[in-house]
Amino acid sequence: MKIELKSVPLSSLVFSVYPIACFAIGIVYSIINAFYTTYATVSAMLTQVMLMSVAYMFMLVFASVIFMMIYNLLCSMGMKGIVLNVEDKQ
């Protein structure tokens, strides 16, 4: 069975689990980054980790929304959507 992705609503991207997953990846990235920097206090380190992970999440979600807007624009102008071949296994 072939499934074609034509138009993806932006609300399904923004209000899904995707931003939470980006935040989790940002926390891991920030914690790894925190070990390479010296901080005066532990609270300064935790504040920096949280701020970096939130900023990382916003950057990823914003870039994804921009790319999805471009994809929707190209699909509305006649570009063929992404085709997925799905096979049923029994």
Protein backbone atom coordinates (compact mmCIF):
# COMPACT_ATOMS: atom_id res chain seq x y z
CA MET A 1 0.00 0.00 0.00
CA LYS A 2 1.31 3.45 -0.90
CA ILE A 3 0.71 6.42 1.37
CA GLU A 4 1.46 9.93 0.16
CA LEU A 5 2.08 12.82 2.54
CA LYS A 6 0.75 15.93 0.87
CA SER A 7 -0.10 18.65 3.35
CA VAL A 8 0.88 18.48 7.01
CA PRO A 9 -0.96 20.85 9.38
CA LEU A 10 1.42 22.96 11.46
CA SER A 11 -0.73 22.51 14.56
CA SER A 12 -0.09 18.76 14.47
CA LEU A 13 3.65 19.48 14.61
CA VAL A 14 3.52 22.11 17.34
CA PHE A 15 0.95 20.44 19.64
CA SER A 16 2.36 16.91 19.45
CA VAL A 17 5.04 15.12 21.44
CA TYR A 18 7.72 16.51 19.12
CA PRO A 19 8.55 19.63 21.24
CA ILE A 20 8.84 17.45 24.36
CA ALA A 21 11.21 15.11 22.53
CA CYS A 22 13.26 18.12 21.38
CA PHE A 23 13.37 19.36 24.98
CA ALA A 24 14.62 15.94 26.18
CA ILE A 25 17.34 15.93 23.53
CA GLY A 26 18.22 19.50 24.57
CA ILE A 27 18.57 18.47 28.21
CA VAL A 28 20.95 15.64 27.29
CA TYR A 29 22.92 17.98 25.03
CA SER A 30 23.10 20.65 27.75
CA ILE A 31 24.19 18.22 30.46
CA ILE A 32 26.97 16.89 28.25
CA ASN A 33 27.98 20.46 27.46
CA ALA A 34 27.94 21.43 31.15
CA PHE A 35 30.81 19.09 31.93
CA TYR A 36 33.12 21.05 29.62
CA THR A 37 32.45 24.40 31.32
CA THR A 38 33.33 25.56 34.82
CA TYR A 39 30.59 27.18 36.89
CA ALA A 40 30.79 29.12 40.14
CA THR A 41 27.86 27.34 41.78
CA VAL A 42 25.63 24.37 41.18
CA SER A 43 22.61 26.62 40.75
CA ALA A 44 24.41 28.49 37.96
CA MET A 45 25.06 25.19 36.22
CA LEU A 46 21.42 24.06 36.56
CA THR A 47 20.15 27.41 35.33
CA GLN A 48 22.45 27.25 32.32
CA VAL A 49 21.40 23.66 31.54
CA MET A 50 17.70 24.57 31.65
CA LEU A 51 18.14 27.74 29.57
CA MET A 52 20.22 25.92 26.95
CA SER A 53 17.73 23.06 26.69
CA VAL A 54 14.77 25.44 26.28
CA ALA A 55 16.67 27.45 23.66
CA TYR A 56 17.63 24.22 21.85
CA MET A 57 13.98 23.09 21.87
CA PHE A 58 12.75 26.42 20.46
CA MET A 59 15.39 26.38 17.73
CA LEU A 60 14.53 22.83 16.63
CA VAL A 61 10.77 23.41 16.69
CA PHE A 62 11.08 26.76 14.91
CA ALA A 63 13.29 25.26 12.19
CA SER A 64 10.87 22.34 11.78
CA VAL A 65 7.89 24.68 11.44
CA ILE A 66 9.74 26.73 8.80
CA PHE A 67 10.68 23.59 6.84
CA MET A 68 7.10 22.30 7.11
CA MET A 69 5.75 25.63 5.81
CA ILE A 70 8.11 25.41 2.85
CA TYR A 71 7.08 21.78 2.24
CA ASN A 72 3.37 22.69 2.36
CA LEU A 73 3.97 25.62 0.00
CA LEU A 74 5.80 23.40 -2.50
CA CYS A 75 3.07 20.74 -2.27
CA SER A 76 0.39 23.36 -2.92
CA MET A 77 2.32 24.51 -6.01
CA GLY A 78 2.22 21.01 -7.47
CA MET A 79 5.19 19.16 -6.05
CA LYS A 80 4.59 15.48 -5.48
CA GLY A 81 4.42 14.57 -1.78
CA ILE A 82 6.55 12.05 0.05
CA VAL A 83 5.45 8.51 -0.87
CA LEU A 84 5.77 5.72 1.70
CA ASN A 85 5.45 2.06 0.73
CA VAL A 86 3.80 0.20 3.59
CA GLU A 87 3.51 -3.59 3.56
CA ASP A 88 1.18 -5.61 5.76
CA LYS A 89 2.89 -8.50 7.55
CA GLN A 90 0.83 -11.45 8.61
